[in-house]
C-alpha atoms as a PDB file:
ATOM      1  CA  MET A   1       1.721 -30.961   2.116  1.00  0.00           C
ATOM      2  CA  TYR A   2       3.774 -33.848   3.341  1.00  0.00           C
ATOM      3  CA  ALA A   3       5.980 -31.382   5.678  1.00  0.00           C
ATOM      4  CA  PHE A   4       2.807 -29.557   6.775  1.00  0.00           C
ATOM      5  CA  CYS A   5       1.084 -32.794   7.848  1.00  0.00           C
ATOM      6  CA  LYS A   6       4.501 -34.009   9.668  1.00  0.00           C
ATOM      7  CA  ASN A   7       4.494 -30.517  11.968  1.00  0.00           C
ATOM      8  CA  LEU A   8       0.809 -31.009  12.640  1.00  0.00           C
ATOM      9  CA  LEU A   9       1.037 -34.424  13.811  1.00  0.00           C
ATOM     10  CA  LYS A  10       3.151 -33.238  16.416  1.00  0.00           C
ATOM     11  CA  LEU A  11       0.332 -31.501  17.897  1.00  0.00           C
ATOM     12  CA  ARG A  12      -1.131 -34.949  18.259  1.00  0.00           C
ATOM     13  CA  LEU A  13      -4.709 -33.836  19.426  1.00  0.00           C
ATOM     14  CA  TYR A  14      -6.117 -32.192  16.168  1.00  0.00           C
ATOM     15  CA  GLY A  15      -2.960 -32.281  13.878  1.00  0.00           C
ATOM     16  CA  GLY A  16      -3.878 -35.875  12.234  1.00  0.00           C
ATOM     17  CA  ALA A  17      -7.748 -35.182  11.957  1.00  0.00           C
ATOM     18  CA  ILE A  18      -6.542 -31.586  10.322  1.00  0.00           C
ATOM     19  CA  CYS A  19      -4.211 -33.420   8.002  1.00  0.00           C
ATOM     20  CA  ALA A  20      -6.401 -36.082   6.968  1.00  0.00           C
ATOM     21  CA  ALA A  21      -9.144 -33.720   6.094  1.00  0.00           C
ATOM     22  CA  ALA A  22      -6.835 -31.644   3.947  1.00  0.00           C
ATOM     23  CA  LEU A  23      -5.269 -34.447   1.973  1.00  0.00           C
ATOM     24  CA  LEU A  24      -8.476 -35.883   1.426  1.00  0.00           C
ATOM     25  CA  ALA A  25     -10.609 -32.833   0.298  1.00  0.00           C
ATOM     26  CA  PRO A  26     -11.614 -33.137  -3.209  1.00  0.00           C
ATOM     27  CA  ALA A  27     -10.286 -30.506  -5.973  1.00  0.00           C
ATOM     28  CA  VAL A  28     -13.548 -29.278  -7.270  1.00  0.00           C
ATOM     29  CA  SER A  29     -15.293 -26.210  -7.823  1.00  0.00           C
ATOM     30  CA  THR A  30     -18.727 -25.459  -6.399  1.00  0.00           C
ATOM     31  CA  THR A  31     -20.523 -22.631  -7.532  1.00  0.00           C
ATOM     32  CA  VAL A  32     -24.120 -21.526  -6.691  1.00  0.00           C
ATOM     33  CA  ALA A  33     -26.151 -18.554  -8.302  1.00  0.00           C
ATOM     34  CA  SER A  34     -28.492 -16.658  -6.182  1.00  0.00           C
ATOM     35  CA  ALA A  35     -31.764 -14.919  -7.040  1.00  0.00           C
ATOM     36  CA  GLN A  36     -30.261 -11.571  -6.348  1.00  0.00           C
ATOM     37  CA  GLY A  37     -27.805 -11.873  -9.315  1.00  0.00           C
ATOM     38  CA  PHE A  38     -24.784 -12.400  -7.136  1.00  0.00           C
ATOM     39  CA  VAL A  39     -22.535 -15.612  -7.454  1.00  0.00           C
ATOM     40  CA  GLN A  40     -20.927 -17.360  -4.452  1.00  0.00           C
ATOM     41  CA  GLY A  41     -18.882 -20.488  -4.390  1.00  0.00           C
ATOM     42  CA  THR A  42     -16.040 -22.421  -3.200  1.00  0.00           C
ATOM     43  CA  CYS A  43     -12.771 -23.963  -4.765  1.00  0.00           C
ATOM     44  CA  VAL A  44      -9.515 -25.403  -4.040  1.00  0.00           C
ATOM     45  CA  THR A  45      -6.407 -23.757  -5.124  1.00  0.00           C
ATOM     46  CA  ASN A  46      -3.079 -25.148  -4.154  1.00  0.00           C
ATOM     47  CA  ARG A  47      -0.701 -22.988  -6.511  1.00  0.00           C
ATOM     48  CA  THR A  48       0.266 -19.667  -6.742  1.00  0.00           C
ATOM     49  CA  THR A  49       1.761 -17.965  -9.527  1.00  0.00           C
ATOM     50  CA  PHE A  50       2.982 -14.207  -9.518  1.00  0.00           C
ATOM     51  CA  LEU A  51       4.838 -11.408 -10.689  1.00  0.00           C
ATOM     52  CA  SER A  52       5.866  -8.048  -9.562  1.00  0.00           C
ATOM     53  CA  ARG A  53       7.464  -5.026 -11.569  1.00  0.00           C
ATOM     54  CA  PRO A  54       9.308  -2.140  -9.952  1.00  0.00           C
ATOM     55  CA  ASP A  55       8.676   0.130 -13.457  1.00  0.00           C
ATOM     56  CA  CYS A  56       5.884   2.480 -14.478  1.00  0.00           C
ATOM     57  CA  THR A  57       3.859   2.239 -17.847  1.00  0.00           C
ATOM     58  CA  GLN A  58       1.522   4.639 -19.745  1.00  0.00           C
ATOM     59  CA  VAL A  59      -1.994   4.058 -20.898  1.00  0.00           C
ATOM     60  CA  SER A  60      -3.537   6.603 -23.493  1.00  0.00           C
ATOM     61  CA  SER A  61      -6.045   3.953 -25.392  1.00  0.00           C
ATOM     62  CA  SER A  62      -9.806   4.014 -24.901  1.00  0.00           C
ATOM     63  CA  SER A  63      -9.882   0.560 -26.056  1.00  0.00           C
ATOM     64  CA  PHE A  64      -8.324  -2.292 -23.767  1.00  0.00           C
ATOM     65  CA  VAL A  65      -4.569  -3.174 -24.632  1.00  0.00           C
ATOM     66  CA  ASP A  66      -2.024  -5.468 -22.638  1.00  0.00           C
ATOM     67  CA  ILE A  67      -0.340  -4.002 -19.532  1.00  0.00           C
ATOM     68  CA  PRO A  68       3.198  -4.601 -20.368  1.00  0.00           C
ATOM     69  CA  GLU A  69       4.962  -7.783 -18.829  1.00  0.00           C
ATOM     70  CA  THR A  70       1.729  -8.731 -17.090  1.00  0.00           C
ATOM     71  CA  SER A  71       1.137 -12.225 -18.772  1.00  0.00           C
ATOM     72  CA  VAL A  72       1.535 -15.368 -16.801  1.00  0.00           C
ATOM     73  CA  ASN A  73       1.377 -18.663 -17.953  1.00  0.00           C
ATOM     74  CA  VAL A  74      -0.566 -20.868 -15.673  1.00  0.00           C
ATOM     75  CA  LYS A  75      -1.001 -24.556 -15.651  1.00  0.00           C
ATOM     76  CA  VAL A  76      -4.162 -25.700 -13.936  1.00  0.00           C
ATOM     77  CA  GLY A  77      -4.104 -29.177 -12.628  1.00  0.00           C
ATOM     78  CA  GLY A  78      -6.622 -31.923 -12.023  1.00  0.00           C
ATOM     79  CA  ALA A  79      -9.337 -33.762 -14.023  1.00  0.00           C
ATOM     80  CA  ASN A  80     -12.140 -31.560 -13.585  1.00  0.00           C
ATOM     81  CA  PRO A  81     -12.352 -27.550 -14.406  1.00  0.00           C
ATOM     82  CA  THR A  82     -11.865 -25.307 -11.445  1.00  0.00           C
ATOM     83  CA  CYS A  83     -11.758 -21.679 -10.458  1.00  0.00           C
ATOM     84  CA  VAL A  84      -8.433 -19.252 -10.998  1.00  0.00           C
ATOM     85  CA  ILE A  85      -8.506 -16.332  -8.551  1.00  0.00           C
ATOM     86  CA  VAL A  86      -6.550 -13.160  -9.650  1.00  0.00           C
ATOM     87  CA  ALA A  87      -5.185 -10.361  -7.347  1.00  0.00           C
ATOM     88  CA  PHE A  88      -4.017  -7.457  -8.877  1.00  0.00           C
ATOM     89  CA  SER A  89      -2.630  -4.253  -7.449  1.00  0.00           C
ATOM     90  CA  ALA A  90      -0.700  -1.073  -8.562  1.00  0.00           C
ATOM     91  CA  LEU A  91      -0.034   2.539  -8.061  1.00  0.00           C
ATOM     92  CA  VAL A  92      -2.158   4.844 -10.777  1.00  0.00           C
ATOM     93  CA  ASN A  93      -2.597   8.417 -11.404  1.00  0.00           C
ATOM     94  CA  PRO A  94      -5.876   9.151 -12.770  1.00  0.00           C
ATOM     95  CA  GLU A  95      -6.941  12.705 -12.791  1.00  0.00           C
ATOM     96  CA  PRO A  96     -10.352  14.201 -10.904  1.00  0.00           C
ATOM     97  CA  ASP A  97     -12.229  13.578 -14.247  1.00  0.00           C
ATOM     98  CA  GLU A  98     -10.871  10.282 -15.596  1.00  0.00           C
ATOM     99  CA  THR A  99     -10.348   6.678 -14.789  1.00  0.00           C
ATOM    100  CA  MET A 100      -8.548   3.728 -15.390  1.00  0.00           C
ATOM    101  CA  VAL A 101     -10.232   0.380 -16.182  1.00  0.00           C
ATOM    102  CA  VAL A 102      -8.634  -2.826 -15.504  1.00  0.00           C
ATOM    103  CA  ARG A 103      -9.265  -6.413 -16.383  1.00  0.00           C
ATOM    104  CA  ALA A 104      -7.756  -9.809 -16.296  1.00  0.00           C
ATOM    105  CA  ARG A 105      -8.156 -12.141 -19.667  1.00  0.00           C
ATOM    106  CA  ILE A 106      -7.183 -15.744 -19.978  1.00  0.00           C
ATOM    107  CA  ALA A 107      -6.710 -16.543 -23.402  1.00  0.00           C
ATOM    108  CA  GLY A 108      -9.576 -18.854 -24.954  1.00  0.00           C
ATOM    109  CA  ILE A 109     -11.698 -18.119 -21.867  1.00  0.00           C
ATOM    110  CA  GLY A 110     -12.440 -14.438 -21.568  1.00  0.00           C
ATOM    111  CA  ALA A 111     -12.739 -11.920 -19.130  1.00  0.00           C
ATOM    112  CA  GLY A 112     -12.837 -12.935 -15.210  1.00  0.00           C
ATOM    113  CA  ASP A 113     -15.633 -11.803 -13.001  1.00  0.00           C
ATOM    114  CA  PRO A 114     -16.167  -9.120 -12.942  1.00  0.00           C
ATOM    115  CA  ASP A 115     -15.472  -7.934 -16.406  1.00  0.00           C
ATOM    116  CA  ASP A 116     -13.680  -5.055 -15.616  1.00  0.00           C
ATOM    117  CA  VAL A 117     -12.864  -2.464 -12.605  1.00  0.00           C
ATOM    118  CA  ALA A 118     -12.313   1.118 -12.527  1.00  0.00           C
ATOM    119  CA  PHE A 119      -9.378   2.507 -10.897  1.00  0.00           C
ATOM    120  CA  GLY A 120     -10.581   6.218 -10.507  1.00  0.00           C
ATOM    121  CA  PRO A 121     -11.343   8.858 -10.461  1.00  0.00           C
ATOM    122  CA  GLY A 122      -8.268   9.944  -8.960  1.00  0.00           C
ATOM    123  CA  SER A 123      -6.356  12.996  -7.487  1.00  0.00           C
ATOM    124  CA  GLY A 124      -3.647  12.962 -10.189  1.00  0.00           C
ATOM    125  CA  LYS A 125      -1.266  11.550  -7.973  1.00  0.00           C
ATOM    126  CA  LEU A 126       0.019   8.161  -7.467  1.00  0.00           C
ATOM    127  CA  ASP A 127      -2.586   6.214  -5.562  1.00  0.00           C
ATOM    128  CA  THR A 128      -2.692   2.564  -4.691  1.00  0.00           C
ATOM    129  CA  ARG A 129      -5.404   0.363  -6.208  1.00  0.00           C
ATOM    130  CA  ALA A 130      -6.142  -3.129  -5.895  1.00  0.00           C
ATOM    131  CA  THR A 131      -8.835  -5.645  -6.998  1.00  0.00           C
ATOM    132  CA  GLN A 132      -9.514  -9.024  -7.683  1.00  0.00           C
ATOM    133  CA  PHE A 133     -10.864 -11.244 -10.489  1.00  0.00           C
ATOM    134  CA  ILE A 134     -12.643 -14.742 -10.564  1.00  0.00           C
ATOM    135  CA  PHE A 135     -12.374 -17.365 -13.409  1.00  0.00           C
ATOM    136  CA  ARG A 136     -14.999 -20.077 -13.051  1.00  0.00           C
ATOM    137  CA  ASN A 137     -14.881 -23.513 -14.651  1.00  0.00           C
ATOM    138  CA  VAL A 138     -11.477 -23.113 -15.984  1.00  0.00           C
ATOM    139  CA  PRO A 139     -10.264 -26.387 -17.681  1.00  0.00           C
ATOM    140  CA  PRO A 140      -7.384 -28.397 -16.630  1.00  0.00           C
ATOM    141  CA  GLY A 141      -4.193 -27.626 -18.930  1.00  0.00           C
ATOM    142  CA  ASN A 142      -2.184 -24.494 -19.765  1.00  0.00           C
ATOM    143  CA  HIS A 143      -3.241 -21.106 -19.902  1.00  0.00           C
ATOM    144  CA  THR A 144      -2.061 -17.700 -20.152  1.00  0.00           C
ATOM    145  CA  LEU A 145      -3.487 -14.860 -18.193  1.00  0.00           C
ATOM    146  CA  GLN A 146      -3.118 -11.074 -19.260  1.00  0.00           C
ATOM    147  CA  MET A 147      -3.930  -8.083 -17.336  1.00  0.00           C
ATOM    148  CA  GLN A 148      -5.197  -5.348 -19.693  1.00  0.00           C
ATOM    149  CA  TYR A 149      -6.208  -1.707 -19.186  1.00  0.00           C
ATOM    150  CA  ARG A 150      -7.768   1.559 -20.853  1.00  0.00           C
ATOM    151  CA  ILE A 151      -8.745   5.038 -20.085  1.00  0.00           C
ATOM    152  CA  ASN A 152     -11.803   7.026 -19.717  1.00  0.00           C
ATOM    153  CA  ALA A 153     -10.291  10.291 -20.294  1.00  0.00           C
ATOM    154  CA  GLY A 154     -12.037  13.451 -18.938  1.00  0.00           C
ATOM    155  CA  GLY A 155     -10.814  17.030 -20.187  1.00  0.00           C
ATOM    156  CA  SER A 156      -7.665  17.196 -18.163  1.00  0.00           C
ATOM    157  CA  GLY A 157      -5.623  14.169 -19.025  1.00  0.00           C
ATOM    158  CA  ASP A 158      -5.078  12.036 -22.327  1.00  0.00           C
ATOM    159  CA  SER A 159      -2.773   9.402 -20.440  1.00  0.00           C
ATOM    160  CA  VAL A 160      -2.637   7.369 -17.133  1.00  0.00           C
ATOM    161  CA  ARG A 161       0.264   5.866 -15.458  1.00  0.00           C
ATOM    162  CA  LEU A 162       0.465   2.887 -13.807  1.00  0.00           C
ATOM    163  CA  CYS A 163       3.403   1.752 -11.567  1.00  0.00           C
ATOM    164  CA  GLU A 164       4.492  -1.280  -9.771  1.00  0.00           C
ATOM    165  CA  PRO A 165       2.000  -3.785 -10.853  1.00  0.00           C
ATOM    166  CA  THR A 166       1.636  -7.007  -8.730  1.00  0.00           C
ATOM    167  CA  LEU A 167      -0.138  -9.637  -9.878  1.00  0.00           C
ATOM    168  CA  VAL A 168      -0.979 -12.978  -7.707  1.00  0.00           C
ATOM    169  CA  VAL A 169      -3.022 -15.959  -9.389  1.00  0.00           C
ATOM    170  CA  HIS A 170      -4.347 -18.505  -7.107  1.00  0.00           C
ATOM    171  CA  HIS A 171      -5.005 -21.850  -9.100  1.00  0.00           C
ATOM    172  CA  ARG A 172      -5.138 -25.777  -8.553  1.00  0.00           C
END
């Protein structure tokens, strides 16, 4: 943050105000639920943990199982609970009558919001899919985040391939 502010101060006109606001902004999470059932909120994230793999895995389970090598350790800072935002993308090849379902879980906390996301139905060829998950009120400390998947098989296939997963976790 210091280097960022040092460069902004060279702008003279607005740099100091932007820098002061960034440094004084509280690292808190605010969540507001609406009457329509959706959730809206804000939180401060200043750290990013990520991983990307160049290989493929197969899933044939109709129950959630861990996606291999998509576990990341996240250290949430601060003194109060905050949010953790997870972005996940991969190439998947479900057939037209099947879907792959993915979810993000933090040990001891549970699944993110939404609970899970369907990747499919597909074309049978590798297609890019991406989604995001939000965890609210994650307490400070060390946490393990794990991506999981399962399939809803139709008539033509009994497994789905997932390739080149990328996981980006924004946290405080």
